[in-house]
């Protein structure tokens, strides 16, 4: 969703950025920066998604639909037997 769509959906559900920030005990600036993708906060993104009745993956797909990063254990296993 775009920042405008998120703000519209919050408004449709009776929230302003200020009222949401107060409810989740975060600064209004944190809420605004998260909506505009200037800051990454899982807590704020999930709170926004919950308030507008959508899954976080739909509201912030660029953060929740990325393929998982390769774990350290896989890197270590793949290096077994490789001379150093």
PDB file of N, CA and C in Angstrom:
ATOM      1  N   UNK A   1       0.846  -1.181   0.000  1.00  0.00           N
ATOM      2  CA  UNK A   1       0.000   0.000   0.000  1.00  0.00           C
ATOM      3  C   UNK A   1       0.890   1.243   0.000  1.00  0.00           C
ATOM      4  N   UNK A   2       0.411   2.278  -0.636  1.00  0.00           N
ATOM      5  CA  UNK A   2       1.149   3.539  -0.642  1.00  0.00           C
ATOM      6  C   UNK A   2       0.903   4.266   0.684  1.00  0.00           C
ATOM      7  N   UNK A   3       1.761   5.240   1.018  1.00  0.00           N
ATOM      8  CA  UNK A   3       1.517   6.016   2.240  1.00  0.00           C
ATOM      9  C   UNK A   3       0.128   6.655   2.256  1.00  0.00           C
ATOM     10  N   UNK A   4      -0.319   7.163   1.122  1.00  0.00           N
ATOM     11  CA  UNK A   4      -1.655   7.767   1.052  1.00  0.00           C
ATOM     12  C   UNK A   4      -2.761   6.762   1.321  1.00  0.00           C
ATOM     13  N   UNK A   5      -2.610   5.563   0.791  1.00  0.00           N
ATOM     14  CA  UNK A   5      -3.604   4.511   1.032  1.00  0.00           C
ATOM     15  C   UNK A   5      -3.617   4.107   2.502  1.00  0.00           C
ATOM     16  N   UNK A   6      -2.444   4.024   3.104  1.00  0.00           N
ATOM     17  CA  UNK A   6      -2.362   3.656   4.523  1.00  0.00           C
ATOM     18  C   UNK A   6      -3.029   4.725   5.377  1.00  0.00           C
ATOM     19  N   UNK A   7      -2.711   5.995   5.107  1.00  0.00           N
ATOM     20  CA  UNK A   7      -3.318   7.080   5.882  1.00  0.00           C
ATOM     21  C   UNK A   7      -4.833   7.104   5.695  1.00  0.00           C
ATOM     22  N   UNK A   8      -5.288   6.862   4.469  1.00  0.00           N
ATOM     23  CA  UNK A   8      -6.728   6.811   4.205  1.00  0.00           C
ATOM     24  C   UNK A   8      -7.401   5.674   4.947  1.00  0.00           C
ATOM     25  N   UNK A   9      -6.753   4.506   4.956  1.00  0.00           N
ATOM     26  CA  UNK A   9      -7.317   3.347   5.655  1.00  0.00           C
ATOM     27  C   UNK A   9      -7.345   3.584   7.163  1.00  0.00           C
ATOM     28  N   UNK A  10      -6.305   4.215   7.692  1.00  0.00           N
ATOM     29  CA  UNK A  10      -6.308   4.546   9.123  1.00  0.00           C
ATOM     30  C   UNK A  10      -7.463   5.497   9.427  1.00  0.00           C
ATOM     31  N   UNK A  11      -7.628   6.510   8.600  1.00  0.00           N
ATOM     32  CA  UNK A  11      -8.709   7.475   8.785  1.00  0.00           C
ATOM     33  C   UNK A  11     -10.077   6.800   8.711  1.00  0.00           C
ATOM     34  N   UNK A  12     -10.241   5.901   7.752  1.00  0.00           N
ATOM     35  CA  UNK A  12     -11.506   5.167   7.612  1.00  0.00           C
ATOM     36  C   UNK A  12     -11.827   4.342   8.853  1.00  0.00           C
ATOM     37  N   UNK A  13     -10.785   3.961   9.588  1.00  0.00           N
ATOM     38  CA  UNK A  13     -10.970   3.159  10.797  1.00  0.00           C
ATOM     39  C   UNK A  13     -10.885   3.998  12.069  1.00  0.00           C
ATOM     40  N   UNK A  14     -10.971   5.322  11.906  1.00  0.00           N
ATOM     41  CA  UNK A  14     -11.048   6.221  13.051  1.00  0.00           C
ATOM     42  C   UNK A  14      -9.723   6.602  13.679  1.00  0.00           C
ATOM     43  N   UNK A  15      -8.631   6.465  12.945  1.00  0.00           N
ATOM     44  CA  UNK A  15      -7.311   6.783  13.494  1.00  0.00           C
ATOM     45  C   UNK A  15      -6.651   7.914  12.728  1.00  0.00           C
ATOM     46  N   UNK A  16      -5.934   8.734  13.477  1.00  0.00           N
ATOM     47  CA  UNK A  16      -4.974   9.658  12.889  1.00  0.00           C
ATOM     48  C   UNK A  16      -3.606   9.105  13.262  1.00  0.00           C
ATOM     49  N   UNK A  17      -2.570   9.631  12.649  1.00  0.00           N
ATOM     50  CA  UNK A  17      -1.234   9.175  13.028  1.00  0.00           C
ATOM     51  C   UNK A  17      -0.977   9.476  14.509  1.00  0.00           C
ATOM     52  N   UNK A  18      -1.466  10.619  14.948  1.00  0.00           N
ATOM     53  CA  UNK A  18      -1.271  11.025  16.336  1.00  0.00           C
ATOM     54  C   UNK A  18      -2.005  10.087  17.301  1.00  0.00           C
ATOM     55  N   UNK A  19      -3.252   9.746  16.986  1.00  0.00           N
ATOM     56  CA  UNK A  19      -4.014   8.874  17.896  1.00  0.00           C
ATOM     57  C   UNK A  19      -3.432   7.463  17.915  1.00  0.00           C
ATOM     58  N   UNK A  20      -2.970   6.983  16.756  1.00  0.00           N
ATOM     59  CA  UNK A  20      -2.333   5.667  16.715  1.00  0.00           C
ATOM     60  C   UNK A  20      -1.046   5.685  17.526  1.00  0.00           C
ATOM     61  N   UNK A  21      -0.245   6.723  17.338  1.00  0.00           N
ATOM     62  CA  UNK A  21       1.019   6.833  18.073  1.00  0.00           C
ATOM     63  C   UNK A  21       0.772   6.817  19.581  1.00  0.00           C
ATOM     64  N   UNK A  22      -0.224   7.557  20.011  1.00  0.00           N
ATOM     65  CA  UNK A  22      -0.548   7.604  21.436  1.00  0.00           C
ATOM     66  C   UNK A  22      -0.976   6.224  21.933  1.00  0.00           C
ATOM     67  N   UNK A  23      -1.808   5.540  21.148  1.00  0.00           N
ATOM     68  CA  UNK A  23      -2.318   4.230  21.551  1.00  0.00           C
ATOM     69  C   UNK A  23      -1.211   3.182  21.654  1.00  0.00           C
ATOM     70  N   UNK A  24      -0.253   3.223  20.736  1.00  0.00           N
ATOM     71  CA  UNK A  24       0.800   2.204  20.751  1.00  0.00           C
ATOM     72  C   UNK A  24       2.064   2.675  21.486  1.00  0.00           C
ATOM     73  N   UNK A  25       1.973   3.869  22.070  1.00  0.00           N
ATOM     74  CA  UNK A  25       3.068   4.427  22.868  1.00  0.00           C
ATOM     75  C   UNK A  25       4.364   4.577  22.079  1.00  0.00           C
ATOM     76  N   UNK A  26       4.206   5.144  20.907  1.00  0.00           N
ATOM     77  CA  UNK A  26       5.337   5.490  20.052  1.00  0.00           C
ATOM     78  C   UNK A  26       5.148   6.939  19.630  1.00  0.00           C
ATOM     79  N   UNK A  27       6.207   7.558  19.145  1.00  0.00           N
ATOM     80  CA  UNK A  27       6.081   8.954  18.728  1.00  0.00           C
ATOM     81  C   UNK A  27       5.319   9.051  17.408  1.00  0.00           C
ATOM     82  N   UNK A  28       4.682  10.184  17.219  1.00  0.00           N
ATOM     83  CA  UNK A  28       3.978  10.429  15.963  1.00  0.00           C
ATOM     84  C   UNK A  28       4.972  10.389  14.800  1.00  0.00           C
ATOM     85  N   UNK A  29       6.184  10.872  15.056  1.00  0.00           N
ATOM     86  CA  UNK A  29       7.231  10.847  14.042  1.00  0.00           C
ATOM     87  C   UNK A  29       7.569   9.409  13.635  1.00  0.00           C
ATOM     88  N   UNK A  30       7.615   8.489  14.590  1.00  0.00           N
ATOM     89  CA  UNK A  30       7.902   7.082  14.280  1.00  0.00           C
ATOM     90  C   UNK A  30       6.813   6.487  13.396  1.00  0.00           C
ATOM     91  N   UNK A  31       5.577   6.805  13.695  1.00  0.00           N
ATOM     92  CA  UNK A  31       4.459   6.302  12.891  1.00  0.00           C
ATOM     93  C   UNK A  31       4.554   6.871  11.476  1.00  0.00           C
ATOM     94  N   UNK A  32       4.769   8.165  11.359  1.00  0.00           N
ATOM     95  CA  UNK A  32       4.861   8.806  10.051  1.00  0.00           C
ATOM     96  C   UNK A  32       6.033   8.258   9.244  1.00  0.00           C
ATOM     97  N   UNK A  33       7.187   8.134   9.869  1.00  0.00           N
ATOM     98  CA  UNK A  33       8.376   7.636   9.160  1.00  0.00           C
ATOM     99  C   UNK A  33       8.196   6.188   8.728  1.00  0.00           C
ATOM    100  N   UNK A  34       7.476   5.399   9.517  1.00  0.00           N
ATOM    101  CA  UNK A  34       7.212   4.009   9.137  1.00  0.00           C
ATOM    102  C   UNK A  34       6.264   3.965   7.943  1.00  0.00           C
ATOM    103  N   UNK A  35       5.215   4.767   7.981  1.00  0.00           N
ATOM    104  CA  UNK A  35       4.261   4.822   6.869  1.00  0.00           C
ATOM    105  C   UNK A  35       4.964   5.222   5.569  1.00  0.00           C
ATOM    106  N   UNK A  36       5.901   6.156   5.657  1.00  0.00           N
ATOM    107  CA  UNK A  36       6.611   6.653   4.475  1.00  0.00           C
ATOM    108  C   UNK A  36       7.884   5.861   4.160  1.00  0.00           C
ATOM    109  N   UNK A  37       8.061   4.726   4.832  1.00  0.00           N
ATOM    110  CA  UNK A  37       9.205   3.819   4.588  1.00  0.00           C
ATOM    111  C   UNK A  37      10.557   4.485   4.821  1.00  0.00           C
ATOM    112  N   UNK A  38      10.593   5.442   5.737  1.00  0.00           N
ATOM    113  CA  UNK A  38      11.851   6.081   6.100  1.00  0.00           C
ATOM    114  C   UNK A  38      12.452   5.416   7.329  1.00  0.00           C
ATOM    115  N   UNK A  39      11.681   4.546   7.948  1.00  0.00           N
ATOM    116  CA  UNK A  39      12.103   3.835   9.145  1.00  0.00           C
ATOM    117  C   UNK A  39      11.441   2.463   9.117  1.00  0.00           C
ATOM    118  N   UNK A  40      12.153   1.457   9.593  1.00  0.00           N
ATOM    119  CA  UNK A  40      11.590   0.110   9.656  1.00  0.00           C
ATOM    120  C   UNK A  40      11.327  -0.224  11.119  1.00  0.00           C
ATOM    121  N   UNK A  41      10.073  -0.464  11.450  1.00  0.00           N
ATOM    122  CA  UNK A  41       9.689  -0.869  12.798  1.00  0.00           C
ATOM    123  C   UNK A  41       8.621  -1.949  12.683  1.00  0.00           C
ATOM    124  N   UNK A  42       9.021  -3.171  12.991  1.00  0.00           N
ATOM    125  CA  UNK A  42       8.070  -4.278  12.920  1.00  0.00           C
ATOM    126  C   UNK A  42       6.862  -4.005  13.814  1.00  0.00           C
ATOM    127  N   UNK A  43       7.118  -3.478  15.008  1.00  0.00           N
ATOM    128  CA  UNK A  43       6.037  -3.202  15.955  1.00  0.00           C
ATOM    129  C   UNK A  43       5.027  -2.210  15.361  1.00  0.00           C
ATOM    130  N   UNK A  44       5.529  -1.115  14.795  1.00  0.00           N
ATOM    131  CA  UNK A  44       4.640  -0.088  14.237  1.00  0.00           C
ATOM    132  C   UNK A  44       3.940  -0.611  12.981  1.00  0.00           C
ATOM    133  N   UNK A  45       4.665  -1.329  12.121  1.00  0.00           N
ATOM    134  CA  UNK A  45       4.042  -1.859  10.904  1.00  0.00           C
ATOM    135  C   UNK A  45       2.921  -2.836  11.240  1.00  0.00           C
ATOM    136  N   UNK A  46       3.152  -3.694  12.211  1.00  0.00           N
ATOM    137  CA  UNK A  46       2.109  -4.647  12.609  1.00  0.00           C
ATOM    138  C   UNK A  46       0.924  -3.933  13.260  1.00  0.00           C
ATOM    139  N   UNK A  47       1.195  -2.892  14.047  1.00  0.00           N
ATOM    140  CA  UNK A  47       0.115  -2.126  14.682  1.00  0.00           C
ATOM    141  C   UNK A  47      -0.746  -1.432  13.627  1.00  0.00           C
ATOM    142  N   UNK A  48      -0.110  -0.861  12.620  1.00  0.00           N
ATOM    143  CA  UNK A  48      -0.852  -0.205  11.540  1.00  0.00           C
ATOM    144  C   UNK A  48      -1.725  -1.225  10.821  1.00  0.00           C
ATOM    145  N   UNK A  49      -1.118  -2.344  10.447  1.00  0.00           N
ATOM    146  CA  UNK A  49      -1.862  -3.383   9.719  1.00  0.00           C
ATOM    147  C   UNK A  49      -3.054  -3.883  10.531  1.00  0.00           C
ATOM    148  N   UNK A  50      -2.838  -4.087  11.819  1.00  0.00           N
ATOM    149  CA  UNK A  50      -3.923  -4.568  12.690  1.00  0.00           C
ATOM    150  C   UNK A  50      -5.065  -3.560  12.736  1.00  0.00           C
ATOM    151  N   UNK A  51      -4.730  -2.264  12.845  1.00  0.00           N
ATOM    152  CA  UNK A  51      -5.764  -1.230  12.958  1.00  0.00           C
ATOM    153  C   UNK A  51      -6.573  -1.075  11.677  1.00  0.00           C
ATOM    154  N   UNK A  52      -5.965  -1.400  10.528  1.00  0.00           N
ATOM    155  CA  UNK A  52      -6.720  -1.253   9.278  1.00  0.00           C
ATOM    156  C   UNK A  52      -7.276  -2.588   8.791  1.00  0.00           C
ATOM    157  N   UNK A  53      -7.070  -3.637   9.582  1.00  0.00           N
ATOM    158  CA  UNK A  53      -7.685  -4.929   9.284  1.00  0.00           C
ATOM    159  C   UNK A  53      -7.085  -5.673   8.106  1.00  0.00           C
ATOM    160  N   UNK A  54      -5.797  -5.491   7.895  1.00  0.00           N
ATOM    161  CA  UNK A  54      -5.117  -6.191   6.799  1.00  0.00           C
ATOM    162  C   UNK A  54      -3.860  -6.862   7.339  1.00  0.00           C
ATOM    163  N   UNK A  55      -3.406  -7.920   6.680  1.00  0.00           N
ATOM    164  CA  UNK A  55      -2.163  -8.546   7.121  1.00  0.00           C
ATOM    165  C   UNK A  55      -0.968  -7.634   6.812  1.00  0.00           C
ATOM    166  N   UNK A  56       0.063  -7.664   7.648  1.00  0.00           N
ATOM    167  CA  UNK A  56       1.243  -6.820   7.408  1.00  0.00           C
ATOM    168  C   UNK A  56       1.846  -7.039   6.020  1.00  0.00           C
ATOM    169  N   UNK A  57       1.742  -8.261   5.507  1.00  0.00           N
ATOM    170  CA  UNK A  57       2.296  -8.579   4.189  1.00  0.00           C
ATOM    171  C   UNK A  57       1.613  -7.785   3.083  1.00  0.00           C
ATOM    172  N   UNK A  58       0.364  -7.431   3.295  1.00  0.00           N
ATOM    173  CA  UNK A  58      -0.377  -6.663   2.294  1.00  0.00           C
ATOM    174  C   UNK A  58      -0.088  -5.169   2.412  1.00  0.00           C
ATOM    175  N   UNK A  59       0.127  -4.707   3.627  1.00  0.00           N
ATOM    176  CA  UNK A  59       0.359  -3.283   3.854  1.00  0.00           C
ATOM    177  C   UNK A  59       1.810  -2.911   3.539  1.00  0.00           C
ATOM    178  N   UNK A  60       2.741  -3.751   3.958  1.00  0.00           N
ATOM    179  CA  UNK A  60       4.171  -3.500   3.761  1.00  0.00           C
ATOM    180  C   UNK A  60       4.831  -4.701   3.073  1.00  0.00           C
ATOM    181  N   UNK A  61       4.429  -5.021   1.846  1.00  0.00           N
ATOM    182  CA  UNK A  61       4.937  -6.239   1.196  1.00  0.00           C
ATOM    183  C   UNK A  61       6.446  -6.243   0.996  1.00  0.00           C
ATOM    184  N   UNK A  62       7.034  -5.070   0.833  1.00  0.00           N
ATOM    185  CA  UNK A  62       8.474  -5.020   0.591  1.00  0.00           C
ATOM    186  C   UNK A  62       9.293  -5.493   1.792  1.00  0.00           C
ATOM    187  N   UNK A  63       8.680  -5.526   2.971  1.00  0.00           N
ATOM    188  CA  UNK A  63       9.385  -5.992   4.163  1.00  0.00           C
ATOM    189  C   UNK A  63       8.990  -7.406   4.560  1.00  0.00           C
ATOM    190  N   UNK A  64       7.779  -7.804   4.260  1.00  0.00           N
ATOM    191  CA  UNK A  64       7.302  -9.102   4.734  1.00  0.00           C
ATOM    192  C   UNK A  64       7.272 -10.185   3.664  1.00  0.00           C
ATOM    193  N   UNK A  65       7.472  -9.839   2.412  1.00  0.00           N
ATOM    194  CA  UNK A  65       7.417 -10.853   1.360  1.00  0.00           C
ATOM    195  C   UNK A  65       8.776 -11.104   0.709  1.00  0.00           C
ATOM    196  N   UNK A  66       9.841 -10.650   1.348  1.00  0.00           N
ATOM    197  CA  UNK A  66      11.175 -10.912   0.827  1.00  0.00           C
ATOM    198  C   UNK A  66      11.566 -12.348   1.126  1.00  0.00           C
ATOM    199  N   UNK A  67      12.332 -12.980   0.228  1.00  0.00           N
ATOM    200  CA  UNK A  67      12.785 -14.338   0.529  1.00  0.00           C
ATOM    201  C   UNK A  67      13.705 -14.314   1.745  1.00  0.00           C
ATOM    202  N   UNK A  68      13.662 -15.365   2.555  1.00  0.00           N
ATOM    203  CA  UNK A  68      14.500 -15.378   3.749  1.00  0.00           C
ATOM    204  C   UNK A  68      15.971 -15.336   3.372  1.00  0.00           C
ATOM    205  N   UNK A  69      16.746 -14.681   4.224  1.00  0.00           N
ATOM    206  CA  UNK A  69      18.183 -14.622   3.999  1.00  0.00           C
ATOM    207  C   UNK A  69      18.803 -15.944   4.399  1.00  0.00           C
ATOM    208  N   UNK A  70      19.896 -16.241   3.808  1.00  0.00           N
ATOM    209  CA  UNK A  70      20.599 -17.483   4.079  1.00  0.00           C
ATOM    210  C   UNK A  70      21.072 -17.480   5.527  1.00  0.00           C
ATOM    211  N   UNK A  71      20.770 -18.531   6.240  1.00  0.00           N
ATOM    212  CA  UNK A  71      21.135 -18.567   7.655  1.00  0.00           C
ATOM    213  C   UNK A  71      22.602 -18.947   7.814  1.00  0.00           C
ATOM    214  N   UNK A  72      23.167 -18.589   8.938  1.00  0.00           N
ATOM    215  CA  UNK A  72      24.564 -18.887   9.235  1.00  0.00           C
ATOM    216  C   UNK A  72      24.815 -20.382   9.228  1.00  0.00           C
ATOM    217  N   UNK A  73      23.882 -21.173   9.763  1.00  0.00           N
ATOM    218  CA  UNK A  73      24.088 -22.619   9.819  1.00  0.00           C
ATOM    219  C   UNK A  73      24.214 -23.209   8.417  1.00  0.00           C
ATOM    220  N   UNK A  74      23.467 -22.679   7.453  1.00  0.00           N
ATOM    221  CA  UNK A  74      23.575 -23.177   6.084  1.00  0.00           C
ATOM    222  C   UNK A  74      24.927 -22.807   5.483  1.00  0.00           C
ATOM    223  N   UNK A  75      25.418 -21.631   5.815  1.00  0.00           N
ATOM    224  CA  UNK A  75      26.722 -21.209   5.311  1.00  0.00           C
ATOM    225  C   UNK A  75      27.798 -22.116   5.882  1.00  0.00           C
ATOM    226  N   UNK A  76      27.727 -22.395   7.170  1.00  0.00           N
ATOM    227  CA  UNK A  76      28.719 -23.255   7.817  1.00  0.00           C
ATOM    228  C   UNK A  76      28.663 -24.656   7.223  1.00  0.00           C
ATOM    229  N   UNK A  77      27.470 -25.213   7.065  1.00  0.00           N
ATOM    230  CA  UNK A  77      27.332 -26.557   6.499  1.00  0.00           C
ATOM    231  C   UNK A  77      27.874 -26.611   5.079  1.00  0.00           C
ATOM    232  N   UNK A  78      27.653 -25.566   4.305  1.00  0.00           N
ATOM    233  CA  UNK A  78      28.103 -25.578   2.916  1.00  0.00           C
ATOM    234  C   UNK A  78      29.616 -25.450   2.810  1.00  0.00           C
ATOM    235  N   UNK A  79      30.282 -25.014   3.867  1.00  0.00           N
ATOM    236  CA  UNK A  79      31.732 -24.838   3.842  1.00  0.00           C
ATOM    237  C   UNK A  79      32.472 -26.053   4.382  1.00  0.00           C
ATOM    238  N   UNK A  80      31.754 -27.042   4.921  1.00  0.00           N
ATOM    239  CA  UNK A  80      32.426 -28.232   5.439  1.00  0.00           C
ATOM    240  C   UNK A  80      33.183 -28.905   4.307  1.00  0.00           C
ATOM    241  N   UNK A  81      34.409 -29.249   4.587  1.00  0.00           N
ATOM    242  CA  UNK A  81      35.225 -29.914   3.591  1.00  0.00           C
ATOM    243  C   UNK A  81      35.905 -28.960   2.625  1.00  0.00           C
ATOM    244  N   UNK A  82      35.641 -27.668   2.769  1.00  0.00           N
ATOM    245  CA  UNK A  82      36.289 -26.683   1.909  1.00  0.00           C
ATOM    246  C   UNK A  82      37.558 -26.228   2.608  1.00  0.00           C
ATOM    247  N   UNK A  83      38.729 -26.421   1.971  1.00  0.00           N
ATOM    248  CA  UNK A  83      39.978 -26.001   2.623  1.00  0.00           C
ATOM    249  C   UNK A  83      40.008 -24.489   2.810  1.00  0.00           C
ATOM    250  N   UNK A  84      40.624 -24.078   3.888  1.00  0.00           N
ATOM    251  CA  UNK A  84      40.711 -22.639   4.180  1.00  0.00           C
ATOM    252  C   UNK A  84      42.111 -22.143   4.035  1.00  0.00           C
TER     253      UNK A  84
END
